[in-house]
N, C-alpha and C. Protein backbone atom coordinates (compact mmCIF):
# COMPACT_ATOMS: atom_id res chain seq x y z
N UNK A 1 5.12 -12.60 25.92
CA UNK A 1 3.94 -11.77 26.06
C UNK A 1 3.90 -10.74 24.94
N UNK A 2 2.78 -10.62 24.30
CA UNK A 2 2.61 -9.67 23.20
C UNK A 2 2.61 -8.25 23.74
N UNK A 3 3.45 -7.38 23.15
CA UNK A 3 3.43 -5.98 23.59
C UNK A 3 2.16 -5.28 23.11
N UNK A 4 1.81 -4.21 23.76
CA UNK A 4 0.69 -3.39 23.33
C UNK A 4 1.11 -2.67 22.06
N UNK A 5 0.27 -2.74 21.04
CA UNK A 5 0.57 -2.12 19.75
C UNK A 5 -0.49 -1.08 19.46
N UNK A 6 -0.03 0.14 19.18
CA UNK A 6 -0.93 1.25 18.93
C UNK A 6 -1.12 1.48 17.44
N UNK A 7 -2.19 2.15 17.11
CA UNK A 7 -2.47 2.50 15.73
C UNK A 7 -3.89 2.13 15.36
N UNK A 8 -4.18 2.30 14.11
CA UNK A 8 -5.48 1.93 13.58
C UNK A 8 -5.40 0.50 13.07
N UNK A 9 -5.41 -0.43 14.01
CA UNK A 9 -5.19 -1.84 13.68
C UNK A 9 -6.43 -2.48 13.07
N UNK A 10 -6.17 -3.33 12.12
CA UNK A 10 -7.24 -4.09 11.49
C UNK A 10 -7.31 -5.51 12.02
N UNK A 11 -6.17 -6.09 12.36
CA UNK A 11 -6.20 -7.49 12.75
C UNK A 11 -5.12 -7.84 13.77
N UNK A 12 -5.10 -9.08 14.17
CA UNK A 12 -4.18 -9.56 15.20
C UNK A 12 -2.74 -9.70 14.70
N UNK A 13 -2.52 -9.57 13.40
CA UNK A 13 -1.16 -9.68 12.87
C UNK A 13 -0.54 -8.31 12.64
N UNK A 14 -1.08 -7.30 13.26
CA UNK A 14 -0.60 -5.92 13.28
C UNK A 14 -0.82 -5.14 11.98
N UNK A 15 -1.63 -5.67 11.09
CA UNK A 15 -1.96 -4.90 9.89
C UNK A 15 -2.84 -3.72 10.30
N UNK A 16 -2.63 -2.60 9.64
CA UNK A 16 -3.40 -1.40 9.97
C UNK A 16 -4.14 -0.89 8.74
N UNK A 17 -4.84 0.20 8.91
CA UNK A 17 -5.59 0.76 7.78
C UNK A 17 -4.67 1.28 6.68
N UNK A 18 -3.42 1.57 7.02
CA UNK A 18 -2.48 2.10 6.03
C UNK A 18 -1.78 0.99 5.25
N UNK A 19 -1.41 -0.07 5.94
CA UNK A 19 -0.67 -1.18 5.33
C UNK A 19 -1.34 -2.48 5.77
N UNK A 20 -1.98 -3.16 4.83
CA UNK A 20 -2.80 -4.30 5.22
C UNK A 20 -2.77 -5.47 4.24
N UNK A 21 -1.67 -5.61 3.51
CA UNK A 21 -1.54 -6.78 2.64
C UNK A 21 -1.14 -7.99 3.48
N UNK A 22 -1.12 -9.14 2.87
CA UNK A 22 -0.75 -10.38 3.57
C UNK A 22 0.64 -10.30 4.18
N UNK A 23 1.54 -9.53 3.58
CA UNK A 23 2.92 -9.48 4.07
C UNK A 23 3.21 -8.29 4.99
N UNK A 24 2.20 -7.51 5.30
CA UNK A 24 2.37 -6.38 6.23
C UNK A 24 2.11 -6.87 7.66
N UNK A 25 3.13 -7.51 8.24
CA UNK A 25 2.91 -8.19 9.53
C UNK A 25 3.81 -7.69 10.65
N UNK A 26 4.52 -6.61 10.43
CA UNK A 26 5.39 -6.15 11.52
C UNK A 26 4.88 -4.86 12.15
N UNK A 27 5.17 -4.72 13.41
CA UNK A 27 4.97 -3.46 14.13
C UNK A 27 6.36 -3.01 14.59
N UNK A 28 6.50 -1.71 14.76
CA UNK A 28 7.80 -1.14 15.10
C UNK A 28 7.72 -0.37 16.41
N UNK A 29 8.69 -0.65 17.29
CA UNK A 29 8.83 0.13 18.52
C UNK A 29 9.55 1.42 18.13
N UNK A 30 8.95 2.54 18.43
CA UNK A 30 9.54 3.82 18.05
C UNK A 30 10.55 4.28 19.08
N UNK A 31 11.66 4.78 18.59
CA UNK A 31 12.75 5.23 19.45
C UNK A 31 12.31 6.34 20.39
N UNK A 32 11.48 7.24 19.89
CA UNK A 32 11.08 8.43 20.65
C UNK A 32 10.25 8.10 21.89
N UNK A 33 9.41 7.10 21.83
CA UNK A 33 8.49 6.82 22.93
C UNK A 33 8.58 5.39 23.45
N UNK A 34 9.37 4.56 22.77
CA UNK A 34 9.54 3.14 23.15
C UNK A 34 8.21 2.39 23.17
N UNK A 35 7.31 2.81 22.28
CA UNK A 35 6.02 2.13 22.13
C UNK A 35 5.89 1.59 20.72
N UNK A 36 5.20 0.46 20.61
CA UNK A 36 4.98 -0.16 19.31
C UNK A 36 3.80 0.49 18.60
N UNK A 37 4.00 0.74 17.31
CA UNK A 37 2.93 1.20 16.43
C UNK A 37 2.94 0.32 15.19
N UNK A 38 1.79 0.21 14.55
CA UNK A 38 1.69 -0.60 13.34
C UNK A 38 2.52 -0.02 12.20
N UNK A 39 2.63 1.32 12.14
CA UNK A 39 3.42 1.97 11.10
C UNK A 39 3.66 3.42 11.48
N UNK A 40 4.47 4.11 10.69
CA UNK A 40 4.77 5.51 11.01
C UNK A 40 3.55 6.41 10.84
N UNK A 41 2.64 6.04 9.94
CA UNK A 41 1.43 6.85 9.77
C UNK A 41 0.54 6.73 11.01
N UNK A 42 0.44 5.54 11.57
CA UNK A 42 -0.32 5.36 12.82
C UNK A 42 0.33 6.18 13.94
N UNK A 43 1.66 6.19 13.99
CA UNK A 43 2.37 6.98 15.00
C UNK A 43 2.04 8.46 14.82
N UNK A 44 2.07 8.95 13.59
CA UNK A 44 1.75 10.36 13.32
C UNK A 44 0.35 10.71 13.80
N UNK A 45 -0.58 9.80 13.60
CA UNK A 45 -1.98 10.06 13.95
C UNK A 45 -2.26 9.94 15.45
N UNK A 46 -1.54 9.07 16.14
CA UNK A 46 -1.91 8.74 17.52
C UNK A 46 -0.95 9.22 18.60
N UNK A 47 0.33 9.37 18.30
CA UNK A 47 1.34 9.58 19.35
C UNK A 47 1.32 10.97 19.96
N UNK A 48 1.02 11.98 19.19
CA UNK A 48 1.02 13.34 19.73
C UNK A 48 2.41 13.96 19.84
N UNK A 49 3.41 13.36 19.19
CA UNK A 49 4.76 13.91 19.17
C UNK A 49 5.45 13.47 17.89
N UNK A 50 6.54 14.12 17.55
CA UNK A 50 7.31 13.76 16.37
C UNK A 50 8.13 12.51 16.65
N UNK A 51 8.34 11.73 15.63
CA UNK A 51 9.14 10.51 15.82
C UNK A 51 10.62 10.84 15.72
N UNK A 52 11.42 9.96 16.31
CA UNK A 52 12.87 10.06 16.16
C UNK A 52 13.39 8.72 15.64
N UNK A 53 14.46 8.78 14.89
CA UNK A 53 15.04 7.58 14.28
C UNK A 53 15.88 6.81 15.30
N UNK A 54 15.93 5.50 15.11
CA UNK A 54 16.82 4.67 15.91
C UNK A 54 18.26 4.92 15.47
N UNK A 55 19.16 5.34 16.38
CA UNK A 55 20.56 5.50 16.00
C UNK A 55 21.20 4.12 15.77
N UNK A 56 22.17 4.07 14.89
CA UNK A 56 22.78 2.79 14.53
C UNK A 56 23.35 2.04 15.72
N UNK A 57 23.86 2.76 16.72
CA UNK A 57 24.43 2.07 17.88
C UNK A 57 23.38 1.38 18.74
N UNK A 58 22.10 1.57 18.43
CA UNK A 58 21.03 0.91 19.18
C UNK A 58 20.26 -0.10 18.33
N UNK A 59 20.79 -0.46 17.19
CA UNK A 59 20.11 -1.41 16.33
C UNK A 59 20.10 -2.83 16.88
N UNK A 60 20.76 -3.05 18.01
CA UNK A 60 20.70 -4.36 18.67
C UNK A 60 19.49 -4.45 19.61
N UNK A 61 18.70 -3.39 19.67
CA UNK A 61 17.49 -3.33 20.49
C UNK A 61 16.36 -4.14 19.83
N UNK A 62 15.62 -4.88 20.63
CA UNK A 62 14.44 -5.56 20.11
C UNK A 62 13.36 -4.51 19.89
N UNK A 63 13.08 -4.23 18.62
CA UNK A 63 12.16 -3.15 18.29
C UNK A 63 11.25 -3.50 17.13
N UNK A 64 11.28 -4.74 16.69
CA UNK A 64 10.43 -5.19 15.59
C UNK A 64 9.61 -6.37 16.10
N UNK A 65 8.32 -6.32 15.87
CA UNK A 65 7.41 -7.36 16.34
C UNK A 65 6.78 -8.04 15.14
N UNK A 66 6.96 -9.36 15.04
CA UNK A 66 6.34 -10.14 13.98
C UNK A 66 4.91 -10.46 14.40
N UNK A 67 3.96 -9.94 13.66
CA UNK A 67 2.55 -10.18 13.97
C UNK A 67 2.11 -11.60 13.68
N UNK A 68 2.88 -12.33 12.91
CA UNK A 68 2.52 -13.71 12.60
C UNK A 68 2.80 -14.65 13.77
N UNK A 69 4.03 -14.62 14.29
CA UNK A 69 4.40 -15.55 15.36
C UNK A 69 4.58 -14.89 16.72
N UNK A 70 4.42 -13.56 16.76
CA UNK A 70 4.50 -12.79 18.02
C UNK A 70 5.91 -12.77 18.61
N UNK A 71 6.93 -12.77 17.75
CA UNK A 71 8.32 -12.73 18.16
C UNK A 71 8.87 -11.32 18.00
N UNK A 72 9.69 -10.90 18.95
CA UNK A 72 10.38 -9.62 18.82
C UNK A 72 11.76 -9.87 18.23
N UNK A 73 12.15 -8.98 17.33
CA UNK A 73 13.45 -9.08 16.65
C UNK A 73 14.23 -7.80 16.89
N UNK A 74 15.54 -7.92 16.82
CA UNK A 74 16.35 -6.70 16.85
C UNK A 74 16.22 -6.02 15.49
N UNK A 75 16.54 -4.75 15.48
CA UNK A 75 16.51 -4.01 14.23
C UNK A 75 17.49 -4.61 13.24
N UNK A 76 18.69 -4.94 13.71
CA UNK A 76 19.72 -5.56 12.84
C UNK A 76 19.19 -6.83 12.20
N UNK A 77 18.62 -7.70 13.00
CA UNK A 77 18.12 -8.99 12.50
C UNK A 77 17.03 -8.76 11.46
N UNK A 78 16.12 -7.84 11.76
CA UNK A 78 15.04 -7.53 10.83
C UNK A 78 15.57 -7.03 9.50
N UNK A 79 16.54 -6.14 9.54
CA UNK A 79 17.06 -5.54 8.32
C UNK A 79 17.84 -6.55 7.47
N UNK A 80 18.27 -7.63 8.06
CA UNK A 80 19.00 -8.68 7.34
C UNK A 80 18.08 -9.70 6.68
N UNK A 81 16.79 -9.68 7.00
CA UNK A 81 15.87 -10.74 6.61
C UNK A 81 14.84 -10.27 5.58
N UNK A 82 14.33 -11.22 4.81
CA UNK A 82 13.17 -10.95 3.96
C UNK A 82 11.95 -11.67 4.49
N UNK A 83 12.16 -12.47 5.55
CA UNK A 83 11.06 -13.16 6.21
C UNK A 83 11.44 -13.33 7.68
N UNK A 84 10.47 -13.65 8.50
CA UNK A 84 10.72 -13.82 9.92
C UNK A 84 11.65 -15.02 10.15
N UNK A 85 12.74 -14.86 10.88
CA UNK A 85 13.64 -15.98 11.13
C UNK A 85 13.02 -17.04 12.05
N UNK A 86 11.93 -16.70 12.73
CA UNK A 86 11.27 -17.64 13.62
C UNK A 86 10.18 -18.46 12.92
N UNK A 87 9.32 -17.79 12.14
CA UNK A 87 8.18 -18.50 11.53
C UNK A 87 8.23 -18.55 10.01
N UNK A 88 9.17 -17.85 9.40
CA UNK A 88 9.39 -17.81 7.95
C UNK A 88 8.30 -17.07 7.17
N UNK A 89 7.40 -16.38 7.86
CA UNK A 89 6.40 -15.58 7.15
C UNK A 89 7.13 -14.44 6.45
N UNK A 90 6.88 -14.23 5.16
CA UNK A 90 7.59 -13.15 4.45
C UNK A 90 7.21 -11.77 4.96
N UNK A 91 8.21 -10.88 4.95
CA UNK A 91 8.00 -9.47 5.27
C UNK A 91 7.77 -8.71 3.96
N UNK A 92 7.14 -7.57 4.06
CA UNK A 92 6.95 -6.72 2.90
C UNK A 92 8.29 -6.05 2.58
N UNK A 93 8.87 -6.45 1.46
CA UNK A 93 10.18 -5.92 1.07
C UNK A 93 10.14 -4.42 0.80
N UNK A 94 8.98 -3.88 0.48
CA UNK A 94 8.87 -2.45 0.23
C UNK A 94 8.99 -1.64 1.52
N UNK A 95 8.90 -2.30 2.67
CA UNK A 95 9.11 -1.59 3.94
C UNK A 95 10.50 -0.97 4.00
N UNK A 96 11.44 -1.55 3.28
CA UNK A 96 12.80 -1.00 3.28
C UNK A 96 12.82 0.43 2.73
N UNK A 97 11.84 0.80 1.94
CA UNK A 97 11.75 2.17 1.44
C UNK A 97 11.52 3.16 2.59
N UNK A 98 10.99 2.66 3.70
CA UNK A 98 10.70 3.52 4.85
C UNK A 98 11.79 3.46 5.92
N UNK A 99 12.84 2.71 5.71
CA UNK A 99 13.91 2.62 6.72
C UNK A 99 14.41 4.00 7.16
N UNK A 100 14.58 4.97 6.24
CA UNK A 100 15.05 6.29 6.69
C UNK A 100 14.08 7.01 7.64
N UNK A 101 12.82 6.62 7.62
CA UNK A 101 11.86 7.19 8.57
C UNK A 101 12.13 6.66 9.97
N UNK A 102 12.42 5.36 10.07
CA UNK A 102 12.56 4.68 11.35
C UNK A 102 13.99 4.64 11.88
N UNK A 103 14.94 4.49 10.97
CA UNK A 103 16.32 4.19 11.34
C UNK A 103 17.29 5.24 10.78
N UNK A 104 18.29 5.60 11.57
CA UNK A 104 19.31 6.54 11.12
C UNK A 104 20.23 5.82 10.16
N UNK A 105 19.96 5.96 8.90
CA UNK A 105 20.71 5.25 7.85
C UNK A 105 21.89 6.11 7.42
């Protein structure tokens, strides 16, 4: 079952007004509220609270949603991949620049 994803969504593959290229297909469950958002900017605009990073001891939590095949991935699995291990759709490699926003690195 597809989780509810918040943000300024543009399409069914979780692309939002902030990140909407062909490879911007993931949504992230935020540690602070346990809700999925298309990106941290959508969280800032919609959540009404500050975000908190996922601590490393919780990186086995399913917190990444592939908008292409609708599969949830653990944070660890996502960080090891350049594409979805289920459908092989490539992920935006520049998302790794935002890891410190989402994850306690």
